[in-house]
C-alpha atoms as a PDB file:
ATOM      1  CA  UNK A   1     -20.282   7.679   0.457  1.00  0.00           C
ATOM      2  CA  UNK A   2     -19.627   9.963   3.432  1.00  0.00           C
ATOM      3  CA  UNK A   3     -20.018   7.498   6.307  1.00  0.00           C
ATOM      4  CA  UNK A   4     -19.683   3.771   6.939  1.00  0.00           C
ATOM      5  CA  UNK A   5     -21.312   1.666   9.643  1.00  0.00           C
ATOM      6  CA  UNK A   6     -20.118  -1.247  11.758  1.00  0.00           C
ATOM      7  CA  UNK A   7     -21.084  -3.813   9.120  1.00  0.00           C
ATOM      8  CA  UNK A   8     -18.988  -2.014   6.502  1.00  0.00           C
ATOM      9  CA  UNK A   9     -16.096  -1.903   8.949  1.00  0.00           C
ATOM     10  CA  UNK A  10     -16.544  -5.601   9.676  1.00  0.00           C
ATOM     11  CA  UNK A  11     -16.366  -6.475   5.982  1.00  0.00           C
ATOM     12  CA  UNK A  12     -13.188  -4.430   5.522  1.00  0.00           C
ATOM     13  CA  UNK A  13     -11.631  -6.017   8.613  1.00  0.00           C
ATOM     14  CA  UNK A  14     -12.595  -9.483   7.341  1.00  0.00           C
ATOM     15  CA  UNK A  15     -10.921  -8.824   4.005  1.00  0.00           C
ATOM     16  CA  UNK A  16      -7.744  -7.766   5.787  1.00  0.00           C
ATOM     17  CA  UNK A  17      -7.675 -11.198   7.431  1.00  0.00           C
ATOM     18  CA  UNK A  18      -8.442 -13.092   4.221  1.00  0.00           C
ATOM     19  CA  UNK A  19      -8.688 -11.007   1.079  1.00  0.00           C
ATOM     20  CA  UNK A  20     -10.254 -13.905  -0.828  1.00  0.00           C
ATOM     21  CA  UNK A  21     -12.705 -15.002   1.869  1.00  0.00           C
ATOM     22  CA  UNK A  22     -16.051 -16.058   0.310  1.00  0.00           C
ATOM     23  CA  UNK A  23     -18.992 -13.797   1.032  1.00  0.00           C
ATOM     24  CA  UNK A  24     -20.871 -16.646   2.730  1.00  0.00           C
ATOM     25  CA  UNK A  25     -18.063 -17.157   5.262  1.00  0.00           C
ATOM     26  CA  UNK A  26     -17.869 -13.420   5.975  1.00  0.00           C
ATOM     27  CA  UNK A  27     -21.657 -13.369   6.375  1.00  0.00           C
ATOM     28  CA  UNK A  28     -21.586 -16.272   8.855  1.00  0.00           C
ATOM     29  CA  UNK A  29     -18.992 -14.499  10.991  1.00  0.00           C
ATOM     30  CA  UNK A  30     -20.820 -11.151  10.872  1.00  0.00           C
ATOM     31  CA  UNK A  31     -24.267 -12.681  11.341  1.00  0.00           C
ATOM     32  CA  UNK A  32     -25.755 -11.440   8.059  1.00  0.00           C
ATOM     33  CA  UNK A  33     -26.724 -13.061   4.763  1.00  0.00           C
ATOM     34  CA  UNK A  34     -24.383 -13.709   1.854  1.00  0.00           C
ATOM     35  CA  UNK A  35     -26.463 -11.337  -0.258  1.00  0.00           C
ATOM     36  CA  UNK A  36     -26.050  -8.549   2.291  1.00  0.00           C
ATOM     37  CA  UNK A  37     -22.241  -8.936   2.305  1.00  0.00           C
ATOM     38  CA  UNK A  38     -22.145  -8.995  -1.511  1.00  0.00           C
ATOM     39  CA  UNK A  39     -24.325  -5.888  -1.741  1.00  0.00           C
ATOM     40  CA  UNK A  40     -22.246  -3.984   0.824  1.00  0.00           C
ATOM     41  CA  UNK A  41     -19.015  -5.068  -0.872  1.00  0.00           C
ATOM     42  CA  UNK A  42     -20.216  -3.767  -4.246  1.00  0.00           C
ATOM     43  CA  UNK A  43     -21.253  -0.481  -2.650  1.00  0.00           C
ATOM     44  CA  UNK A  44     -17.899  -0.095  -0.916  1.00  0.00           C
ATOM     45  CA  UNK A  45     -16.102  -0.764  -4.211  1.00  0.00           C
ATOM     46  CA  UNK A  46     -18.220   1.762  -6.081  1.00  0.00           C
ATOM     47  CA  UNK A  47     -18.383   4.522  -3.487  1.00  0.00           C
ATOM     48  CA  UNK A  48     -15.472   4.042  -1.052  1.00  0.00           C
ATOM     49  CA  UNK A  49     -12.727   2.850  -3.400  1.00  0.00           C
ATOM     50  CA  UNK A  50     -12.546  -0.560  -1.705  1.00  0.00           C
ATOM     51  CA  UNK A  51     -10.102  -2.822  -3.473  1.00  0.00           C
ATOM     52  CA  UNK A  52      -8.270  -6.044  -2.633  1.00  0.00           C
ATOM     53  CA  UNK A  53      -4.862  -6.485  -4.265  1.00  0.00           C
ATOM     54  CA  UNK A  54      -2.447  -9.411  -4.166  1.00  0.00           C
ATOM     55  CA  UNK A  55       1.182  -8.433  -3.579  1.00  0.00           C
ATOM     56  CA  UNK A  56       4.524 -10.119  -3.026  1.00  0.00           C
ATOM     57  CA  UNK A  57       6.568  -9.433   0.098  1.00  0.00           C
ATOM     58  CA  UNK A  58       9.276  -6.787  -0.080  1.00  0.00           C
ATOM     59  CA  UNK A  59      11.978  -9.086   1.259  1.00  0.00           C
ATOM     60  CA  UNK A  60      11.013 -12.140  -0.791  1.00  0.00           C
ATOM     61  CA  UNK A  61      10.896 -11.175  -4.443  1.00  0.00           C
ATOM     62  CA  UNK A  62      13.642 -10.263  -6.900  1.00  0.00           C
ATOM     63  CA  UNK A  63      13.007  -6.509  -6.834  1.00  0.00           C
ATOM     64  CA  UNK A  64      14.218  -3.556  -4.811  1.00  0.00           C
ATOM     65  CA  UNK A  65      11.999  -0.669  -3.702  1.00  0.00           C
ATOM     66  CA  UNK A  66      12.962   2.987  -3.692  1.00  0.00           C
ATOM     67  CA  UNK A  67      11.171   5.955  -2.149  1.00  0.00           C
ATOM     68  CA  UNK A  68      11.579   8.844  -4.570  1.00  0.00           C
ATOM     69  CA  UNK A  69      10.883  12.498  -3.754  1.00  0.00           C
ATOM     70  CA  UNK A  70      10.393  14.887  -6.651  1.00  0.00           C
ATOM     71  CA  UNK A  71      10.110  18.637  -6.254  1.00  0.00           C
ATOM     72  CA  UNK A  72       8.192  20.336  -9.051  1.00  0.00           C
ATOM     73  CA  UNK A  73       6.228  23.460  -9.860  1.00  0.00           C
ATOM     74  CA  UNK A  74       2.588  23.475  -8.828  1.00  0.00           C
ATOM     75  CA  UNK A  75       1.490  23.539 -12.460  1.00  0.00           C
ATOM     76  CA  UNK A  76       3.591  20.486 -13.394  1.00  0.00           C
ATOM     77  CA  UNK A  77       3.316  18.304 -10.277  1.00  0.00           C
ATOM     78  CA  UNK A  78      -0.177  16.833 -10.779  1.00  0.00           C
ATOM     79  CA  UNK A  79       0.357  16.156 -14.493  1.00  0.00           C
ATOM     80  CA  UNK A  80       3.721  14.549 -13.741  1.00  0.00           C
ATOM     81  CA  UNK A  81       2.198  12.432 -10.952  1.00  0.00           C
ATOM     82  CA  UNK A  82      -0.425  11.018 -13.308  1.00  0.00           C
ATOM     83  CA  UNK A  83       2.191  10.395 -15.996  1.00  0.00           C
ATOM     84  CA  UNK A  84       4.280   8.413 -13.526  1.00  0.00           C
ATOM     85  CA  UNK A  85       1.154   6.568 -12.358  1.00  0.00           C
ATOM     86  CA  UNK A  86       0.796   5.003 -15.803  1.00  0.00           C
ATOM     87  CA  UNK A  87       4.094   3.181 -15.371  1.00  0.00           C
ATOM     88  CA  UNK A  88       3.864  -0.438 -14.144  1.00  0.00           C
ATOM     89  CA  UNK A  89       6.935  -0.040 -11.904  1.00  0.00           C
ATOM     90  CA  UNK A  90       5.452   2.701  -9.701  1.00  0.00           C
ATOM     91  CA  UNK A  91       3.071   2.629  -6.747  1.00  0.00           C
ATOM     92  CA  UNK A  92       1.866   4.763  -3.833  1.00  0.00           C
ATOM     93  CA  UNK A  93       2.211   8.055  -5.681  1.00  0.00           C
ATOM     94  CA  UNK A  94       1.250  10.970  -3.440  1.00  0.00           C
ATOM     95  CA  UNK A  95       1.064  14.722  -3.871  1.00  0.00           C
ATOM     96  CA  UNK A  96       2.673  16.486  -0.905  1.00  0.00           C
ATOM     97  CA  UNK A  97       3.484  19.916   0.469  1.00  0.00           C
ATOM     98  CA  UNK A  98       0.877  22.122  -1.168  1.00  0.00           C
ATOM     99  CA  UNK A  99       1.153  20.281  -4.467  1.00  0.00           C
ATOM    100  CA  UNK A 100       4.818  21.075  -5.091  1.00  0.00           C
ATOM    101  CA  UNK A 101       6.247  17.652  -4.205  1.00  0.00           C
ATOM    102  CA  UNK A 102       5.599  14.081  -5.350  1.00  0.00           C
ATOM    103  CA  UNK A 103       6.397  10.912  -3.431  1.00  0.00           C
ATOM    104  CA  UNK A 104       6.397   7.536  -5.158  1.00  0.00           C
ATOM    105  CA  UNK A 105       7.693   4.007  -4.715  1.00  0.00           C
ATOM    106  CA  UNK A 106       9.641   2.552  -7.636  1.00  0.00           C
ATOM    107  CA  UNK A 107      10.042  -1.217  -7.965  1.00  0.00           C
ATOM    108  CA  UNK A 108      13.196  -2.260  -9.852  1.00  0.00           C
ATOM    109  CA  UNK A 109      14.498  -5.782 -10.680  1.00  0.00           C
ATOM    110  CA  UNK A 110      17.634  -6.481  -8.680  1.00  0.00           C
ATOM    111  CA  UNK A 111      19.531  -7.439 -11.815  1.00  0.00           C
ATOM    112  CA  UNK A 112      18.416  -4.366 -13.779  1.00  0.00           C
ATOM    113  CA  UNK A 113      20.994  -2.104 -15.388  1.00  0.00           C
ATOM    114  CA  UNK A 114      20.933   0.965 -13.158  1.00  0.00           C
ATOM    115  CA  UNK A 115      21.758   3.220 -16.113  1.00  0.00           C
ATOM    116  CA  UNK A 116      18.380   2.347 -17.626  1.00  0.00           C
ATOM    117  CA  UNK A 117      16.324   2.567 -14.445  1.00  0.00           C
ATOM    118  CA  UNK A 118      13.568   5.068 -13.819  1.00  0.00           C
ATOM    119  CA  UNK A 119      15.562   6.542 -10.955  1.00  0.00           C
ATOM    120  CA  UNK A 120      18.678   7.502 -12.869  1.00  0.00           C
ATOM    121  CA  UNK A 121      17.459   8.048 -16.419  1.00  0.00           C
ATOM    122  CA  UNK A 122      13.793   8.836 -16.874  1.00  0.00           C
ATOM    123  CA  UNK A 123      13.003  11.103 -13.946  1.00  0.00           C
ATOM    124  CA  UNK A 124      15.816  13.699 -14.301  1.00  0.00           C
ATOM    125  CA  UNK A 125      14.867  14.241 -17.956  1.00  0.00           C
ATOM    126  CA  UNK A 126      11.270  15.106 -17.145  1.00  0.00           C
ATOM    127  CA  UNK A 127      10.383  18.768 -17.575  1.00  0.00           C
ATOM    128  CA  UNK A 128       9.247  20.710 -14.533  1.00  0.00           C
ATOM    129  CA  UNK A 129      11.295  18.833 -11.918  1.00  0.00           C
ATOM    130  CA  UNK A 130      13.400  20.984  -9.622  1.00  0.00           C
ATOM    131  CA  UNK A 131      14.747  18.396  -7.150  1.00  0.00           C
ATOM    132  CA  UNK A 132      15.164  14.614  -6.992  1.00  0.00           C
ATOM    133  CA  UNK A 133      16.109  12.418  -4.052  1.00  0.00           C
ATOM    134  CA  UNK A 134      15.980   8.617  -3.914  1.00  0.00           C
ATOM    135  CA  UNK A 135      15.917   6.473  -0.775  1.00  0.00           C
ATOM    136  CA  UNK A 136      16.498   2.720  -0.887  1.00  0.00           C
ATOM    137  CA  UNK A 137      13.941   0.899   1.302  1.00  0.00           C
ATOM    138  CA  UNK A 138      16.043  -1.326   3.582  1.00  0.00           C
ATOM    139  CA  UNK A 139      13.452  -2.691   5.983  1.00  0.00           C
ATOM    140  CA  UNK A 140       9.731  -2.438   6.724  1.00  0.00           C
ATOM    141  CA  UNK A 141       8.698  -2.199  10.381  1.00  0.00           C
ATOM    142  CA  UNK A 142       5.046  -1.507   9.586  1.00  0.00           C
ATOM    143  CA  UNK A 143       3.127  -1.812   6.338  1.00  0.00           C
ATOM    144  CA  UNK A 144       2.782  -4.425   3.643  1.00  0.00           C
ATOM    145  CA  UNK A 145       0.842  -7.320   5.191  1.00  0.00           C
ATOM    146  CA  UNK A 146       0.385  -5.376   8.454  1.00  0.00           C
ATOM    147  CA  UNK A 147      -2.481  -2.910   7.867  1.00  0.00           C
ATOM    148  CA  UNK A 148      -3.131   0.467   9.405  1.00  0.00           C
ATOM    149  CA  UNK A 149      -4.993  -0.204  12.647  1.00  0.00           C
ATOM    150  CA  UNK A 150      -7.696   2.302  11.772  1.00  0.00           C
ATOM    151  CA  UNK A 151      -9.194  -0.246   9.363  1.00  0.00           C
ATOM    152  CA  UNK A 152      -9.058  -3.307  11.606  1.00  0.00           C
ATOM    153  CA  UNK A 153     -10.958  -2.422  14.755  1.00  0.00           C
ATOM    154  CA  UNK A 154     -14.310  -4.107  14.069  1.00  0.00           C
ATOM    155  CA  UNK A 155     -13.962  -7.857  14.758  1.00  0.00           C
ATOM    156  CA  UNK A 156     -13.271  -9.591  18.059  1.00  0.00           C
ATOM    157  CA  UNK A 157     -10.639 -12.308  18.469  1.00  0.00           C
ATOM    158  CA  UNK A 158     -13.121 -15.129  17.972  1.00  0.00           C
ATOM    159  CA  UNK A 159     -14.390 -13.645  14.720  1.00  0.00           C
ATOM    160  CA  UNK A 160     -10.852 -13.071  13.512  1.00  0.00           C
ATOM    161  CA  UNK A 161      -9.970 -16.691  14.252  1.00  0.00           C
ATOM    162  CA  UNK A 162     -12.951 -17.900  12.231  1.00  0.00           C
ATOM    163  CA  UNK A 163     -11.700 -15.996   9.198  1.00  0.00           C
ATOM    164  CA  UNK A 164      -8.034 -17.002   9.344  1.00  0.00           C
ATOM    165  CA  UNK A 165      -7.209 -18.906   6.123  1.00  0.00           C
ATOM    166  CA  UNK A 166      -5.730 -22.387   6.480  1.00  0.00           C
ATOM    167  CA  UNK A 167      -3.589 -24.184   3.930  1.00  0.00           C
ATOM    168  CA  UNK A 168      -2.123 -27.632   3.501  1.00  0.00           C
ATOM    169  CA  UNK A 169       1.557 -28.501   3.452  1.00  0.00           C
ATOM    170  CA  UNK A 170       3.424 -26.338   0.893  1.00  0.00           C
ATOM    171  CA  UNK A 171       4.512 -28.079  -2.311  1.00  0.00           C
ATOM    172  CA  UNK A 172       8.184 -28.761  -2.966  1.00  0.00           C
ATOM    173  CA  UNK A 173      10.196 -26.624  -5.354  1.00  0.00           C
ATOM    174  CA  UNK A 174      10.780 -22.907  -5.715  1.00  0.00           C
ATOM    175  CA  UNK A 175       8.539 -20.315  -4.164  1.00  0.00           C
ATOM    176  CA  UNK A 176       7.749 -17.239  -6.297  1.00  0.00           C
ATOM    177  CA  UNK A 177       9.279 -17.510  -9.778  1.00  0.00           C
ATOM    178  CA  UNK A 178       8.966 -15.815 -13.159  1.00  0.00           C
ATOM    179  CA  UNK A 179       6.270 -18.355 -14.045  1.00  0.00           C
ATOM    180  CA  UNK A 180       4.058 -16.643 -11.473  1.00  0.00           C
ATOM    181  CA  UNK A 181       4.382 -13.165 -12.997  1.00  0.00           C
ATOM    182  CA  UNK A 182       1.077 -13.258 -14.878  1.00  0.00           C
ATOM    183  CA  UNK A 183      -0.745 -14.663 -11.853  1.00  0.00           C
ATOM    184  CA  UNK A 184       0.679 -11.974  -9.568  1.00  0.00           C
ATOM    185  CA  UNK A 185      -0.095  -9.247 -12.099  1.00  0.00           C
ATOM    186  CA  UNK A 186      -3.710 -10.449 -12.273  1.00  0.00           C
ATOM    187  CA  UNK A 187      -3.988 -10.528  -8.485  1.00  0.00           C
ATOM    188  CA  UNK A 188      -2.553  -7.038  -8.258  1.00  0.00           C
ATOM    189  CA  UNK A 189      -5.323  -5.872 -10.575  1.00  0.00           C
ATOM    190  CA  UNK A 190      -7.986  -7.709  -8.542  1.00  0.00           C
ATOM    191  CA  UNK A 191      -7.073  -9.844  -5.562  1.00  0.00           C
ATOM    192  CA  UNK A 192     -10.548 -11.396  -5.575  1.00  0.00           C
ATOM    193  CA  UNK A 193     -10.509 -12.421  -9.247  1.00  0.00           C
ATOM    194  CA  UNK A 194     -12.171 -15.820  -9.731  1.00  0.00           C
ATOM    195  CA  UNK A 195     -10.293 -18.997 -10.624  1.00  0.00           C
ATOM    196  CA  UNK A 196     -11.754 -18.990 -14.142  1.00  0.00           C
ATOM    197  CA  UNK A 197     -10.549 -15.442 -14.711  1.00  0.00           C
ATOM    198  CA  UNK A 198      -7.080 -16.249 -13.361  1.00  0.00           C
ATOM    199  CA  UNK A 199      -6.969 -19.400 -15.480  1.00  0.00           C
ATOM    200  CA  UNK A 200      -7.763 -17.391 -18.607  1.00  0.00           C
ATOM    201  CA  UNK A 201      -4.976 -14.932 -17.791  1.00  0.00           C
ATOM    202  CA  UNK A 202      -2.316 -17.541 -16.992  1.00  0.00           C
ATOM    203  CA  UNK A 203      -3.231 -20.283 -19.462  1.00  0.00           C
ATOM    204  CA  UNK A 204      -3.396 -22.753 -16.576  1.00  0.00           C
ATOM    205  CA  UNK A 205      -6.387 -24.817 -15.597  1.00  0.00           C
ATOM    206  CA  UNK A 206      -8.558 -23.538 -12.711  1.00  0.00           C
ATOM    207  CA  UNK A 207      -7.363 -26.482 -10.601  1.00  0.00           C
ATOM    208  CA  UNK A 208      -3.711 -25.555 -11.258  1.00  0.00           C
ATOM    209  CA  UNK A 209      -4.417 -21.931 -10.367  1.00  0.00           C
ATOM    210  CA  UNK A 210      -6.081 -23.000  -7.123  1.00  0.00           C
ATOM    211  CA  UNK A 211      -3.145 -25.240  -6.163  1.00  0.00           C
ATOM    212  CA  UNK A 212      -0.528 -22.627  -7.025  1.00  0.00           C
ATOM    213  CA  UNK A 213      -2.388 -19.879  -5.218  1.00  0.00           C
ATOM    214  CA  UNK A 214      -2.813 -22.039  -2.108  1.00  0.00           C
ATOM    215  CA  UNK A 215       0.881 -22.941  -2.228  1.00  0.00           C
ATOM    216  CA  UNK A 216       2.046 -19.323  -2.485  1.00  0.00           C
ATOM    217  CA  UNK A 217      -0.267 -18.310   0.346  1.00  0.00           C
ATOM    218  CA  UNK A 218       0.755 -21.295   2.450  1.00  0.00           C
ATOM    219  CA  UNK A 219       4.409 -20.313   2.051  1.00  0.00           C
ATOM    220  CA  UNK A 220       3.482 -16.723   2.998  1.00  0.00           C
ATOM    221  CA  UNK A 221       5.046 -15.553  -0.257  1.00  0.00           C
ATOM    222  CA  UNK A 222       2.133 -13.279  -1.132  1.00  0.00           C
ATOM    223  CA  UNK A 223      -0.402 -11.309   0.867  1.00  0.00           C
ATOM    224  CA  UNK A 224      -3.603  -9.414   0.157  1.00  0.00           C
ATOM    225  CA  UNK A 225      -3.794  -5.720   0.881  1.00  0.00           C
ATOM    226  CA  UNK A 226      -7.095  -3.870   1.295  1.00  0.00           C
ATOM    227  CA  UNK A 227      -7.368  -0.308   0.035  1.00  0.00           C
ATOM    228  CA  UNK A 228     -10.210   2.103   0.731  1.00  0.00           C
ATOM    229  CA  UNK A 229     -10.918   5.773   1.308  1.00  0.00           C
ATOM    230  CA  UNK A 230      -9.062   6.378   4.565  1.00  0.00           C
ATOM    231  CA  UNK A 231     -11.126   9.450   5.422  1.00  0.00           C
ATOM    232  CA  UNK A 232     -14.089   7.128   6.052  1.00  0.00           C
ATOM    233  CA  UNK A 233     -12.007   5.602   8.854  1.00  0.00           C
ATOM    234  CA  UNK A 234     -11.129   8.952  10.399  1.00  0.00           C
ATOM    235  CA  UNK A 235      -7.849   9.756   8.619  1.00  0.00           C
ATOM    236  CA  UNK A 236      -8.744  13.282   7.499  1.00  0.00           C
ATOM    237  CA  UNK A 237      -5.171  14.556   7.939  1.00  0.00           C
ATOM    238  CA  UNK A 238      -2.253  12.550   6.586  1.00  0.00           C
ATOM    239  CA  UNK A 239       1.443  13.411   6.608  1.00  0.00           C
ATOM    240  CA  UNK A 240       4.789  11.875   5.731  1.00  0.00           C
ATOM    241  CA  UNK A 241       7.310  11.958   8.568  1.00  0.00           C
ATOM    242  CA  UNK A 242      10.995  12.011   7.618  1.00  0.00           C
ATOM    243  CA  UNK A 243      13.126  11.218  10.670  1.00  0.00           C
ATOM    244  CA  UNK A 244      16.828  11.015  11.347  1.00  0.00           C
ATOM    245  CA  UNK A 245      17.683   8.402  13.987  1.00  0.00           C
ATOM    246  CA  UNK A 246      21.051   7.300  15.363  1.00  0.00           C
ATOM    247  CA  UNK A 247      21.946   4.020  13.565  1.00  0.00           C
ATOM    248  CA  UNK A 248      22.414   2.128  16.810  1.00  0.00           C
ATOM    249  CA  UNK A 249      18.876   3.023  17.874  1.00  0.00           C
ATOM    250  CA  UNK A 250      17.148   2.664  14.498  1.00  0.00           C
ATOM    251  CA  UNK A 251      15.727  -0.811  15.169  1.00  0.00           C
ATOM    252  CA  UNK A 252      14.467   0.145  18.606  1.00  0.00           C
ATOM    253  CA  UNK A 253      12.716   3.271  17.327  1.00  0.00           C
ATOM    254  CA  UNK A 254      11.343   1.521  14.236  1.00  0.00           C
ATOM    255  CA  UNK A 255       9.801  -1.273  16.318  1.00  0.00           C
ATOM    256  CA  UNK A 256       8.376   1.242  18.783  1.00  0.00           C
ATOM    257  CA  UNK A 257       6.769   3.290  16.016  1.00  0.00           C
ATOM    258  CA  UNK A 258       5.307   0.125  14.486  1.00  0.00           C
ATOM    259  CA  UNK A 259       3.076  -0.089  17.573  1.00  0.00           C
ATOM    260  CA  UNK A 260       1.662   3.421  17.150  1.00  0.00           C
ATOM    261  CA  UNK A 261      -1.954   3.302  15.900  1.00  0.00           C
ATOM    262  CA  UNK A 262      -1.475   6.683  14.217  1.00  0.00           C
ATOM    263  CA  UNK A 263       0.976   5.266  11.652  1.00  0.00           C
ATOM    264  CA  UNK A 264       0.188   3.394   8.440  1.00  0.00           C
ATOM    265  CA  UNK A 265       3.753   2.419   7.514  1.00  0.00           C
ATOM    266  CA  UNK A 266       7.281   2.715   8.875  1.00  0.00           C
ATOM    267  CA  UNK A 267      10.318   2.113   6.602  1.00  0.00           C
ATOM    268  CA  UNK A 268      14.041   2.218   7.241  1.00  0.00           C
ATOM    269  CA  UNK A 269      15.728   3.855   4.261  1.00  0.00           C
ATOM    270  CA  UNK A 270      19.030   5.225   3.063  1.00  0.00           C
ATOM    271  CA  UNK A 271      19.710   8.951   3.154  1.00  0.00           C
ATOM    272  CA  UNK A 272      19.811  11.635   5.865  1.00  0.00           C
ATOM    273  CA  UNK A 273      16.227  10.729   6.858  1.00  0.00           C
ATOM    274  CA  UNK A 274      16.751   7.059   7.620  1.00  0.00           C
ATOM    275  CA  UNK A 275      13.256   6.374   9.016  1.00  0.00           C
ATOM    276  CA  UNK A 276      10.112   7.315   7.075  1.00  0.00           C
ATOM    277  CA  UNK A 277       6.526   6.926   8.297  1.00  0.00           C
ATOM    278  CA  UNK A 278       3.014   8.021   7.359  1.00  0.00           C
ATOM    279  CA  UNK A 279       0.748   9.496  10.017  1.00  0.00           C
ATOM    280  CA  UNK A 280      -3.053   9.163   9.825  1.00  0.00           C
ATOM    281  CA  UNK A 281      -4.941  11.552  12.106  1.00  0.00           C
ATOM    282  CA  UNK A 282      -8.512  12.853  12.386  1.00  0.00           C
ATOM    283  CA  UNK A 283      -7.564  16.563  12.405  1.00  0.00           C
ATOM    284  CA  UNK A 284      -4.577  18.946  12.584  1.00  0.00           C
ATOM    285  CA  UNK A 285      -4.787  19.091  16.379  1.00  0.00           C
ATOM    286  CA  UNK A 286      -4.417  15.319  16.621  1.00  0.00           C
ATOM    287  CA  UNK A 287      -1.391  15.400  14.317  1.00  0.00           C
ATOM    288  CA  UNK A 288       0.178  18.166  16.415  1.00  0.00           C
ATOM    289  CA  UNK A 289      -0.471  16.154  19.577  1.00  0.00           C
ATOM    290  CA  UNK A 290       1.126  13.078  18.025  1.00  0.00           C
ATOM    291  CA  UNK A 291       4.217  14.976  16.856  1.00  0.00           C
ATOM    292  CA  UNK A 292       4.785  16.792  20.132  1.00  0.00           C
ATOM    293  CA  UNK A 293       3.629  14.281  22.746  1.00  0.00           C
ATOM    294  CA  UNK A 294       4.479  10.928  21.122  1.00  0.00           C
ATOM    295  CA  UNK A 295       7.369  11.479  18.736  1.00  0.00           C
ATOM    296  CA  UNK A 296       8.662  14.393  20.771  1.00  0.00           C
ATOM    297  CA  UNK A 297       9.315  12.072  23.709  1.00  0.00           C
ATOM    298  CA  UNK A 298      11.536   9.714  21.691  1.00  0.00           C
ATOM    299  CA  UNK A 299      15.001  11.118  22.289  1.00  0.00           C
ATOM    300  CA  UNK A 300      16.669   9.043  19.569  1.00  0.00           C
ATOM    301  CA  UNK A 301      14.802  10.998  16.870  1.00  0.00           C
ATOM    302  CA  UNK A 302      17.296  13.749  16.121  1.00  0.00           C
ATOM    303  CA  UNK A 303      15.420  15.566  13.340  1.00  0.00           C
ATOM    304  CA  UNK A 304      11.875  15.456  11.987  1.00  0.00           C
ATOM    305  CA  UNK A 305      10.414  16.821   8.751  1.00  0.00           C
ATOM    306  CA  UNK A 306       6.639  16.734   8.247  1.00  0.00           C
ATOM    307  CA  UNK A 307       5.131  16.901   4.750  1.00  0.00           C
ATOM    308  CA  UNK A 308       1.315  16.907   4.476  1.00  0.00           C
ATOM    309  CA  UNK A 309      -0.292  14.482   1.995  1.00  0.00           C
ATOM    310  CA  UNK A 310      -2.765  16.248  -0.294  1.00  0.00           C
ATOM    311  CA  UNK A 311      -3.852  13.282  -2.420  1.00  0.00           C
ATOM    312  CA  UNK A 312      -2.974   9.707  -3.304  1.00  0.00           C
ATOM    313  CA  UNK A 313      -2.794   9.538  -7.091  1.00  0.00           C
ATOM    314  CA  UNK A 314      -1.912   5.848  -7.251  1.00  0.00           C
ATOM    315  CA  UNK A 315      -1.981   3.107  -4.635  1.00  0.00           C
ATOM    316  CA  UNK A 316      -0.717  -0.432  -5.313  1.00  0.00           C
ATOM    317  CA  UNK A 317      -1.438  -0.777  -9.008  1.00  0.00           C
ATOM    318  CA  UNK A 318      -4.073   1.806  -9.817  1.00  0.00           C
ATOM    319  CA  UNK A 319      -4.696   5.520 -10.294  1.00  0.00           C
ATOM    320  CA  UNK A 320      -6.934   6.811  -7.501  1.00  0.00           C
ATOM    321  CA  UNK A 321      -7.259  10.555  -8.119  1.00  0.00           C
ATOM    322  CA  UNK A 322      -8.735  12.253 -11.159  1.00  0.00           C
ATOM    323  CA  UNK A 323      -6.473  14.142 -13.525  1.00  0.00           C
ATOM    324  CA  UNK A 324      -7.681  17.651 -14.353  1.00  0.00           C
ATOM    325  CA  UNK A 325      -9.313  17.818 -17.799  1.00  0.00           C
ATOM    326  CA  UNK A 326      -6.764  20.331 -19.068  1.00  0.00           C
ATOM    327  CA  UNK A 327      -3.909  17.916 -18.348  1.00  0.00           C
ATOM    328  CA  UNK A 328      -5.356  14.622 -19.587  1.00  0.00           C
ATOM    329  CA  UNK A 329      -3.700  14.856 -22.974  1.00  0.00           C
ATOM    330  CA  UNK A 330      -0.223  15.533 -21.624  1.00  0.00           C
ATOM    331  CA  UNK A 331       2.502  13.292 -23.003  1.00  0.00           C
ATOM    332  CA  UNK A 332       3.937  10.795 -20.524  1.00  0.00           C
ATOM    333  CA  UNK A 333       7.604  11.202 -19.523  1.00  0.00           C
END
């Protein structure tokens, strides 16, 4: 698939509003048949990498997130990226800077023994790595349940309101717990998995799955992210922006950047670059314009490092780029 039309964009936008919306409801809002929505959805999955995943909120589960930068040789970087992608505790693995740098997010239980974590034990022992830096994600200004605006520009306010999910009063008791791990893992694999499939995975009845899912969504404990080929939405040039901002102005700058349509996420982190964002632009000229005219006018940004994104190897829970045939047999770290 090289292009998408307004109907495709409408389906993607609808899924951002409710990742589990039935095809018939999406069809009613878009003015097309259920069969047409189902057919377009299957085509987008097969040809545009469309995928709905269920995720827990950064601030509300019992894990911490770290942004990890790995410098490696060109020959080792892609193989290493795919090896790391096979780990269940990694996500959003990207090849940067001409293929000599890897960025990934590592999810670690808060109570985990740091000496046995991926950050401090496994990564430094991996062959081919020249540099390692780890940045604790402190706060998210943009990202997670708030999608990149380039994918949500198809539906008007009335259509969006028709698709907003509604839930009853949340049940009493704890929110997300260890009992939900299998359910959340299944939703991360496929956020649109049917109740029967989720029941088979969890050992619960379909009715129990439906109640628990509605409760978690009603509490806003989980959300559904929509992933697709961003180039189809005009993001032909992507780059990570590593910024140093005065601590007293970090919140102000982070909230301002969260309103920029060019950005897909904005995180406050530890380290000399305490604000990290991803830019999504149609071409190099647009990225240059954004860096010089938009970011350049924010005086609180003291330093800025730009690292181009070459490929996304893994998004939230899956490998998205093909491993070269010569490297497929490489042993994982």
